[in-house]
Amino acid sequence: MISVSHLSKRFGHHQVLKEINLHVKQGEVVAIIGPSGSGKSTLLRCLNLLEKLNTGTIRIGDVILDSEHYRHKEEVQLRKQSAMVFQHYNLFKNKTAIENITYPLILGKKINKNEAKQQALTLLKRVGMLPYADQYPITLSGGQQQRVAIARALAVRPKVLLFDEPTSALDPERVHEVLQVMLQLAKENITMIIVTHEMEFAKYVADRIIFMANGVIVEEGYAKTLIEHPQNELTQRFLRQLTDDINFEI
């Protein structure tokens, strides 16, 4: 359902992504792991054109965009195929939880206010946030804000949900509530690509894991297999660093 071919991205003289090829099936959950600076988030941002790719082709559903020649219409169509959940929620601070969801429906989808409100209430219930519908983001915890952000992403009915380290800004006690929502979405066969440092979550929820380093896909495979039996030395070293005990000398 998603196909990426020979995607490259550079910032100035710095090559961030190098000839990325990626395929994701309908309903598949793919986790992308790797060290900081490996290009994981940039890849996600290229998929919905928050970053313009320098070379390559992206296909999501029936929409194809070739970096060599595309029109504004194709750019808009590709953006409509996905919705992104950001690390820092990106909610409108001056709008309530329900208004954060109805706003893109009314403005982008041209849905009337009453219908948008009903859809928003259904989505808030789905992520366990219905009692907080009329509260502003400043009154919500990080985990609650992220659940509203997930509801907002679901509202536009994307073909794929893109998660850019959705729990990395949360307090440890709030991580679980967001991962539970994502687990439920996985059970509903919603296509998801998740950049994450939550290895246990990736191992048991993702169908497949991709390990990236230095702007390339180093290794990919079934989630449990890759975590427990990585083949590439870079993958082995990365996973070992996450599990090794840290010894301090004082």
C-alpha atoms as a PDB file:
ATOM      1  CA  MET A   1       0.000   0.000   0.000  1.00  0.00           C
ATOM      2  CA  ILE A   2       3.009   2.255   0.561  1.00  0.00           C
ATOM      3  CA  SER A   3       6.007   2.152  -1.728  1.00  0.00           C
ATOM      4  CA  VAL A   4       9.118   4.324  -1.501  1.00  0.00           C
ATOM      5  CA  SER A   5      11.784   4.043  -4.198  1.00  0.00           C
ATOM      6  CA  HIS A   6      15.285   5.573  -4.216  1.00  0.00           C
ATOM      7  CA  LEU A   7      14.324   8.366  -1.811  1.00  0.00           C
ATOM      8  CA  SER A   8      17.153  10.739  -0.934  1.00  0.00           C
ATOM      9  CA  LYS A   9      17.154  13.890   1.147  1.00  0.00           C
ATOM     10  CA  ARG A  10      19.924  16.349   1.900  1.00  0.00           C
ATOM     11  CA  PHE A  11      20.171  19.561   3.871  1.00  0.00           C
ATOM     12  CA  GLY A  12      22.829  21.637   2.179  1.00  0.00           C
ATOM     13  CA  HIS A  13      25.819  19.346   1.729  1.00  0.00           C
ATOM     14  CA  HIS A  14      24.637  16.917   4.408  1.00  0.00           C
ATOM     15  CA  GLN A  15      23.022  13.765   3.009  1.00  0.00           C
ATOM     16  CA  VAL A  16      20.385  12.718   5.552  1.00  0.00           C
ATOM     17  CA  LEU A  17      18.682   9.942   3.556  1.00  0.00           C
ATOM     18  CA  LYS A  18      20.456   7.846   0.929  1.00  0.00           C
ATOM     19  CA  GLU A  19      18.507   5.816  -1.621  1.00  0.00           C
ATOM     20  CA  ILE A  20      15.762   4.599   0.735  1.00  0.00           C
ATOM     21  CA  ASN A  21      13.529   1.784  -0.544  1.00  0.00           C
ATOM     22  CA  LEU A  22      10.567   0.859   1.616  1.00  0.00           C
ATOM     23  CA  HIS A  23       7.348  -1.114   1.192  1.00  0.00           C
ATOM     24  CA  VAL A  24       4.487  -1.325   3.685  1.00  0.00           C
ATOM     25  CA  LYS A  25       1.407  -3.525   3.298  1.00  0.00           C
ATOM     26  CA  GLN A  26      -2.174  -2.525   4.076  1.00  0.00           C
ATOM     27  CA  GLY A  27      -2.780  -2.930   7.823  1.00  0.00           C
ATOM     28  CA  GLU A  28       0.894  -3.484   8.613  1.00  0.00           C
ATOM     29  CA  VAL A  29       2.573  -1.895  11.643  1.00  0.00           C
ATOM     30  CA  VAL A  30       6.182  -0.981  10.918  1.00  0.00           C
ATOM     31  CA  ALA A  31       8.494   0.353  13.620  1.00  0.00           C
ATOM     32  CA  ILE A  32      11.606   2.310  12.673  1.00  0.00           C
ATOM     33  CA  ILE A  33      14.432   2.243  15.192  1.00  0.00           C
ATOM     34  CA  GLY A  34      17.980   3.516  15.195  1.00  0.00           C
ATOM     35  CA  PRO A  35      20.342   6.024  16.808  1.00  0.00           C
ATOM     36  CA  SER A  36      19.698   9.766  16.857  1.00  0.00           C
ATOM     37  CA  GLY A  37      20.588  11.402  13.568  1.00  0.00           C
ATOM     38  CA  SER A  38      20.019   8.270  11.509  1.00  0.00           C
ATOM     39  CA  GLY A  39      17.279   9.879   9.398  1.00  0.00           C
ATOM     40  CA  LYS A  40      14.231   8.188  10.939  1.00  0.00           C
ATOM     41  CA  SER A  41      12.148  11.316  11.533  1.00  0.00           C
ATOM     42  CA  THR A  42      13.244  12.873   8.248  1.00  0.00           C
ATOM     43  CA  LEU A  43      11.966   9.790   6.415  1.00  0.00           C
ATOM     44  CA  LEU A  44       8.560  10.177   8.071  1.00  0.00           C
ATOM     45  CA  ARG A  45       8.469  13.874   7.229  1.00  0.00           C
ATOM     46  CA  CYS A  46       9.294  13.105   3.600  1.00  0.00           C
ATOM     47  CA  LEU A  47       6.371  10.663   3.396  1.00  0.00           C
ATOM     48  CA  ASN A  48       3.885  13.493   3.934  1.00  0.00           C
ATOM     49  CA  LEU A  49       6.066  16.165   2.316  1.00  0.00           C
ATOM     50  CA  LEU A  50       6.788  18.159   5.454  1.00  0.00           C
ATOM     51  CA  GLU A  51      10.260  17.790   3.967  1.00  0.00           C
ATOM     52  CA  LYS A  52      10.658  17.813   0.177  1.00  0.00           C
ATOM     53  CA  LEU A  53      12.618  14.848  -1.112  1.00  0.00           C
ATOM     54  CA  ASN A  54      15.550  15.502  -3.449  1.00  0.00           C
ATOM     55  CA  THR A  55      15.215  12.267  -5.407  1.00  0.00           C
ATOM     56  CA  GLY A  56      12.865   9.314  -5.459  1.00  0.00           C
ATOM     57  CA  THR A  57       9.245   8.307  -5.747  1.00  0.00           C
ATOM     58  CA  ILE A  58       6.547   7.888  -3.097  1.00  0.00           C
ATOM     59  CA  ARG A  59       3.314   5.984  -3.625  1.00  0.00           C
ATOM     60  CA  ILE A  60       0.585   5.815  -0.980  1.00  0.00           C
ATOM     61  CA  GLY A  61      -2.553   4.039  -2.138  1.00  0.00           C
ATOM     62  CA  ASP A  62      -3.278   5.232  -5.658  1.00  0.00           C
ATOM     63  CA  VAL A  63      -1.344   8.493  -5.341  1.00  0.00           C
ATOM     64  CA  ILE A  64       2.154   8.616  -6.820  1.00  0.00           C
ATOM     65  CA  LEU A  65       4.606  11.478  -6.487  1.00  0.00           C
ATOM     66  CA  ASP A  66       7.862  11.586  -8.435  1.00  0.00           C
ATOM     67  CA  SER A  67      10.395  14.085  -7.082  1.00  0.00           C
ATOM     68  CA  GLU A  68      11.591  14.857 -10.629  1.00  0.00           C
ATOM     69  CA  HIS A  69       8.272  16.242 -11.818  1.00  0.00           C
ATOM     70  CA  TYR A  70       5.079  16.754  -9.864  1.00  0.00           C
ATOM     71  CA  ARG A  71       2.360  19.362  -9.688  1.00  0.00           C
ATOM     72  CA  HIS A  72       0.857  21.058  -6.654  1.00  0.00           C
ATOM     73  CA  LYS A  73      -2.269  18.916  -7.091  1.00  0.00           C
ATOM     74  CA  GLU A  74      -0.246  15.705  -6.631  1.00  0.00           C
ATOM     75  CA  GLU A  75       1.483  17.198  -3.589  1.00  0.00           C
ATOM     76  CA  VAL A  76      -1.879  17.982  -1.963  1.00  0.00           C
ATOM     77  CA  GLN A  77      -3.229  14.527  -2.805  1.00  0.00           C
ATOM     78  CA  LEU A  78      -0.228  12.756  -1.289  1.00  0.00           C
ATOM     79  CA  ARG A  79      -0.501  14.776   1.931  1.00  0.00           C
ATOM     80  CA  LYS A  80      -4.136  13.674   2.271  1.00  0.00           C
ATOM     81  CA  GLN A  81      -3.112  10.015   2.346  1.00  0.00           C
ATOM     82  CA  SER A  82      -1.373  10.239   5.729  1.00  0.00           C
ATOM     83  CA  ALA A  83      -1.685  11.916   9.107  1.00  0.00           C
ATOM     84  CA  MET A  84       1.160  12.541  11.498  1.00  0.00           C
ATOM     85  CA  VAL A  85       1.349  12.361  15.285  1.00  0.00           C
ATOM     86  CA  PHE A  86       4.258  14.466  16.495  1.00  0.00           C
ATOM     87  CA  GLN A  87       6.586  14.130  19.455  1.00  0.00           C
ATOM     88  CA  HIS A  88       5.295  17.349  21.050  1.00  0.00           C
ATOM     89  CA  TYR A  89       1.566  16.939  20.244  1.00  0.00           C
ATOM     90  CA  ASN A  90       1.263  20.143  18.132  1.00  0.00           C
ATOM     91  CA  LEU A  91      -2.243  20.882  19.399  1.00  0.00           C
ATOM     92  CA  PHE A  92      -3.765  24.331  18.984  1.00  0.00           C
ATOM     93  CA  LYS A  93      -3.326  25.876  22.426  1.00  0.00           C
ATOM     94  CA  ASN A  94      -6.301  28.242  22.002  1.00  0.00           C
ATOM     95  CA  LYS A  95      -8.738  25.449  21.116  1.00  0.00           C
ATOM     96  CA  THR A  96     -10.344  22.816  23.300  1.00  0.00           C
ATOM     97  CA  ALA A  97      -9.757  19.097  22.756  1.00  0.00           C
ATOM     98  CA  ILE A  98     -12.893  18.750  20.666  1.00  0.00           C
ATOM     99  CA  GLU A  99     -12.127  21.921  18.688  1.00  0.00           C
ATOM    100  CA  ASN A 100      -8.673  20.565  17.860  1.00  0.00           C
ATOM    101  CA  ILE A 101     -10.423  17.671  16.108  1.00  0.00           C
ATOM    102  CA  THR A 102     -13.332  19.521  14.488  1.00  0.00           C
ATOM    103  CA  TYR A 103     -11.106  22.271  13.063  1.00  0.00           C
ATOM    104  CA  PRO A 104      -9.410  20.126  10.363  1.00  0.00           C
ATOM    105  CA  LEU A 105     -12.728  18.427   9.586  1.00  0.00           C
ATOM    106  CA  ILE A 106     -14.559  21.707   9.021  1.00  0.00           C
ATOM    107  CA  LEU A 107     -11.694  23.495   7.295  1.00  0.00           C
ATOM    108  CA  GLY A 108     -10.078  20.661   5.340  1.00  0.00           C
ATOM    109  CA  LYS A 109     -12.895  18.167   4.787  1.00  0.00           C
ATOM    110  CA  LYS A 110     -15.677  20.788   4.530  1.00  0.00           C
ATOM    111  CA  ILE A 111     -17.848  18.848   6.990  1.00  0.00           C
ATOM    112  CA  ASN A 112     -20.634  20.806   8.704  1.00  0.00           C
ATOM    113  CA  LYS A 113     -20.127  21.711  12.358  1.00  0.00           C
ATOM    114  CA  ASN A 114     -22.682  19.314  13.829  1.00  0.00           C
ATOM    115  CA  GLU A 115     -21.366  16.303  11.947  1.00  0.00           C
ATOM    116  CA  ALA A 116     -17.775  17.285  12.761  1.00  0.00           C
ATOM    117  CA  LYS A 117     -18.679  17.518  16.441  1.00  0.00           C
ATOM    118  CA  GLN A 118     -20.258  14.055  16.439  1.00  0.00           C
ATOM    119  CA  GLN A 119     -17.220  12.550  14.744  1.00  0.00           C
ATOM    120  CA  ALA A 120     -14.919  14.297  17.204  1.00  0.00           C
ATOM    121  CA  LEU A 121     -16.876  12.996  20.219  1.00  0.00           C
ATOM    122  CA  THR A 122     -16.707   9.451  18.830  1.00  0.00           C
ATOM    123  CA  LEU A 123     -12.944   9.737  18.343  1.00  0.00           C
ATOM    124  CA  LEU A 124     -12.379  11.217  21.795  1.00  0.00           C
ATOM    125  CA  LYS A 125     -14.286   8.282  23.279  1.00  0.00           C
ATOM    126  CA  ARG A 126     -12.161   5.902  21.214  1.00  0.00           C
ATOM    127  CA  VAL A 127      -8.938   7.240  22.783  1.00  0.00           C
ATOM    128  CA  GLY A 128     -10.418   7.546  26.297  1.00  0.00           C
ATOM    129  CA  MET A 129     -10.613  11.345  26.265  1.00  0.00           C
ATOM    130  CA  LEU A 130     -14.364  12.003  26.056  1.00  0.00           C
ATOM    131  CA  PRO A 131     -14.585  13.469  29.614  1.00  0.00           C
ATOM    132  CA  TYR A 132     -11.978  16.073  28.606  1.00  0.00           C
ATOM    133  CA  ALA A 133     -13.650  17.245  25.388  1.00  0.00           C
ATOM    134  CA  ASP A 134     -14.060  20.861  26.505  1.00  0.00           C
ATOM    135  CA  GLN A 135     -10.672  21.267  28.176  1.00  0.00           C
ATOM    136  CA  TYR A 136      -7.762  23.205  26.720  1.00  0.00           C
ATOM    137  CA  PRO A 137      -4.376  21.536  26.132  1.00  0.00           C
ATOM    138  CA  ILE A 138      -2.736  23.466  28.996  1.00  0.00           C
ATOM    139  CA  THR A 139      -5.026  21.663  31.467  1.00  0.00           C
ATOM    140  CA  LEU A 140      -4.169  18.201  30.106  1.00  0.00           C
ATOM    141  CA  SER A 141      -1.202  15.964  30.842  1.00  0.00           C
ATOM    142  CA  GLY A 142       1.244  15.104  28.089  1.00  0.00           C
ATOM    143  CA  GLY A 143      -0.301  11.663  27.654  1.00  0.00           C
ATOM    144  CA  GLN A 144      -3.784  13.157  27.405  1.00  0.00           C
ATOM    145  CA  GLN A 145      -2.628  15.712  24.842  1.00  0.00           C
ATOM    146  CA  GLN A 146      -1.029  12.963  22.779  1.00  0.00           C
ATOM    147  CA  ARG A 147      -4.251  10.957  22.832  1.00  0.00           C
ATOM    148  CA  VAL A 148      -6.133  14.007  21.538  1.00  0.00           C
ATOM    149  CA  ALA A 149      -3.480  14.347  18.837  1.00  0.00           C
ATOM    150  CA  ILE A 150      -4.054  10.710  17.825  1.00  0.00           C
ATOM    151  CA  ALA A 151      -7.807  11.336  17.665  1.00  0.00           C
ATOM    152  CA  ARG A 152      -7.166  14.374  15.462  1.00  0.00           C
ATOM    153  CA  ALA A 153      -4.997  12.291  13.140  1.00  0.00           C
ATOM    154  CA  LEU A 154      -7.680   9.619  12.888  1.00  0.00           C
ATOM    155  CA  ALA A 155     -10.334  12.229  12.083  1.00  0.00           C
ATOM    156  CA  VAL A 156      -9.146  12.766   8.510  1.00  0.00           C
ATOM    157  CA  ARG A 157      -9.286   8.993   7.849  1.00  0.00           C
ATOM    158  CA  PRO A 158      -5.780   8.649   6.469  1.00  0.00           C
ATOM    159  CA  LYS A 159      -4.492   5.563   4.693  1.00  0.00           C
ATOM    160  CA  VAL A 160      -1.524   5.537   7.062  1.00  0.00           C
ATOM    161  CA  LEU A 161      -0.755   7.000  10.482  1.00  0.00           C
ATOM    162  CA  LEU A 162       2.786   8.289  10.959  1.00  0.00           C
ATOM    163  CA  PHE A 163       4.087   8.460  14.547  1.00  0.00           C
ATOM    164  CA  ASP A 164       7.274  10.422  15.202  1.00  0.00           C
ATOM    165  CA  GLU A 165       8.516   9.254  18.623  1.00  0.00           C
ATOM    166  CA  PRO A 166       5.052   9.767  20.159  1.00  0.00           C
ATOM    167  CA  THR A 167       6.108   8.899  23.714  1.00  0.00           C
ATOM    168  CA  SER A 168       9.585  10.428  23.973  1.00  0.00           C
ATOM    169  CA  ALA A 169       8.327  13.712  25.482  1.00  0.00           C
ATOM    170  CA  LEU A 170       6.137  11.990  28.078  1.00  0.00           C
ATOM    171  CA  ASP A 171       6.718  11.230  31.723  1.00  0.00           C
ATOM    172  CA  PRO A 172       7.221   7.467  32.219  1.00  0.00           C
ATOM    173  CA  GLU A 173       3.833   7.021  33.897  1.00  0.00           C
ATOM    174  CA  ARG A 174       2.105   8.573  30.849  1.00  0.00           C
ATOM    175  CA  VAL A 175       3.850   6.447  28.226  1.00  0.00           C
ATOM    176  CA  HIS A 176       1.667   3.407  28.856  1.00  0.00           C
ATOM    177  CA  GLU A 177      -1.645   5.168  28.215  1.00  0.00           C
ATOM    178  CA  VAL A 178      -0.494   6.319  24.765  1.00  0.00           C
ATOM    179  CA  LEU A 179       0.976   2.928  23.860  1.00  0.00           C
ATOM    180  CA  GLN A 180      -2.319   1.284  24.854  1.00  0.00           C
ATOM    181  CA  VAL A 181      -4.183   3.439  22.333  1.00  0.00           C
ATOM    182  CA  MET A 182      -1.629   2.583  19.653  1.00  0.00           C
ATOM    183  CA  LEU A 183      -1.919  -1.104  20.504  1.00  0.00           C
ATOM    184  CA  GLN A 184      -5.680  -0.906  20.003  1.00  0.00           C
ATOM    185  CA  LEU A 185      -5.192   0.773  16.618  1.00  0.00           C
ATOM    186  CA  ALA A 186      -2.818  -2.028  15.618  1.00  0.00           C
ATOM    187  CA  LYS A 187      -5.502  -4.572  16.497  1.00  0.00           C
ATOM    188  CA  GLU A 188      -7.893  -2.677  14.201  1.00  0.00           C
ATOM    189  CA  ASN A 189      -5.511  -3.239  11.249  1.00  0.00           C
ATOM    190  CA  ILE A 190      -4.723   0.438  10.815  1.00  0.00           C
ATOM    191  CA  THR A 191      -1.550   0.923   8.791  1.00  0.00           C
ATOM    192  CA  MET A 192       1.080   2.604  10.957  1.00  0.00           C
ATOM    193  CA  ILE A 193       4.720   3.609  10.624  1.00  0.00           C
ATOM    194  CA  ILE A 194       6.196   4.377  14.032  1.00  0.00           C
ATOM    195  CA  VAL A 195       9.552   5.932  14.833  1.00  0.00           C
ATOM    196  CA  THR A 196      10.152   4.824  18.401  1.00  0.00           C
ATOM    197  CA  HIS A 197      12.676   4.054  21.126  1.00  0.00           C
ATOM    198  CA  GLU A 198      10.185   1.790  22.926  1.00  0.00           C
ATOM    199  CA  MET A 199      11.822  -1.535  22.057  1.00  0.00           C
ATOM    200  CA  GLU A 200       9.406  -3.778  23.950  1.00  0.00           C
ATOM    201  CA  PHE A 201       6.442  -2.081  22.292  1.00  0.00           C
ATOM    202  CA  ALA A 202       8.086  -2.416  18.874  1.00  0.00           C
ATOM    203  CA  LYS A 203       8.884  -6.063  19.530  1.00  0.00           C
ATOM    204  CA  TYR A 204       5.362  -7.123  20.476  1.00  0.00           C
ATOM    205  CA  VAL A 205       3.150  -4.708  18.515  1.00  0.00           C
ATOM    206  CA  ALA A 206       4.980  -4.107  15.223  1.00  0.00           C
ATOM    207  CA  ASP A 207       4.778  -6.649  12.430  1.00  0.00           C
ATOM    208  CA  ARG A 208       8.145  -5.565  11.134  1.00  0.00           C
ATOM    209  CA  ILE A 209      11.065  -3.487  12.386  1.00  0.00           C
ATOM    210  CA  ILE A 210      13.418  -1.395  10.282  1.00  0.00           C
ATOM    211  CA  PHE A 211      16.788  -0.422  11.710  1.00  0.00           C
ATOM    212  CA  MET A 212      18.298   2.762  10.270  1.00  0.00           C
ATOM    213  CA  ALA A 213      21.767   4.248  10.689  1.00  0.00           C
ATOM    214  CA  ASN A 214      23.646   6.950   8.795  1.00  0.00           C
ATOM    215  CA  GLY A 215      20.731   7.649   6.461  1.00  0.00           C
ATOM    216  CA  VAL A 216      20.237   4.112   5.178  1.00  0.00           C
ATOM    217  CA  ILE A 217      18.132   1.078   6.049  1.00  0.00           C
ATOM    218  CA  VAL A 218      20.692  -1.286   7.548  1.00  0.00           C
ATOM    219  CA  GLU A 219      18.431  -4.193   8.430  1.00  0.00           C
ATOM    220  CA  GLU A 220      14.761  -5.097   8.506  1.00  0.00           C
ATOM    221  CA  GLY A 221      12.778  -8.137   9.501  1.00  0.00           C
ATOM    222  CA  TYR A 222      10.010  -9.594  11.633  1.00  0.00           C
ATOM    223  CA  ALA A 223       9.866  -7.612  14.861  1.00  0.00           C
ATOM    224  CA  LYS A 224      10.613 -10.319  17.414  1.00  0.00           C
ATOM    225  CA  THR A 225      13.307 -11.897  15.219  1.00  0.00           C
ATOM    226  CA  LEU A 226      15.160  -8.637  14.614  1.00  0.00           C
ATOM    227  CA  ILE A 227      15.136  -7.633  18.278  1.00  0.00           C
ATOM    228  CA  GLU A 228      16.242 -11.033  19.560  1.00  0.00           C
ATOM    229  CA  HIS A 229      18.532 -12.087  16.705  1.00  0.00           C
ATOM    230  CA  PRO A 230      19.847  -9.041  14.816  1.00  0.00           C
ATOM    231  CA  GLN A 231      22.155  -9.977  11.945  1.00  0.00           C
ATOM    232  CA  ASN A 232      23.991  -6.734  11.232  1.00  0.00           C
ATOM    233  CA  GLU A 233      26.789  -5.606  13.534  1.00  0.00           C
ATOM    234  CA  LEU A 234      25.399  -2.042  13.728  1.00  0.00           C
ATOM    235  CA  THR A 235      21.996  -3.366  14.801  1.00  0.00           C
ATOM    236  CA  GLN A 236      23.597  -5.630  17.382  1.00  0.00           C
ATOM    237  CA  ARG A 237      25.617  -2.760  18.827  1.00  0.00           C
ATOM    238  CA  PHE A 238      22.590  -0.440  18.968  1.00  0.00           C
ATOM    239  CA  LEU A 239      20.390  -2.968  20.758  1.00  0.00           C
ATOM    240  CA  ARG A 240      23.209  -3.929  23.109  1.00  0.00           C
ATOM    241  CA  GLN A 241      23.618  -0.286  24.159  1.00  0.00           C
ATOM    242  CA  LEU A 242      19.950  -0.181  25.129  1.00  0.00           C
ATOM    243  CA  THR A 243      20.194  -3.221  27.365  1.00  0.00           C
ATOM    244  CA  ASP A 244      23.682  -2.944  28.860  1.00  0.00           C
ATOM    245  CA  ASP A 245      23.843  -1.843  32.485  1.00  0.00           C
ATOM    246  CA  ILE A 246      25.457   1.520  33.036  1.00  0.00           C
ATOM    247  CA  ASN A 247      28.171   1.581  35.687  1.00  0.00           C
ATOM    248  CA  PHE A 248      29.058   4.864  37.348  1.00  0.00           C
ATOM    249  CA  GLU A 249      32.278   5.522  39.185  1.00  0.00           C
ATOM    250  CA  ILE A 250      31.962   8.219  41.831  1.00  0.00           C
END
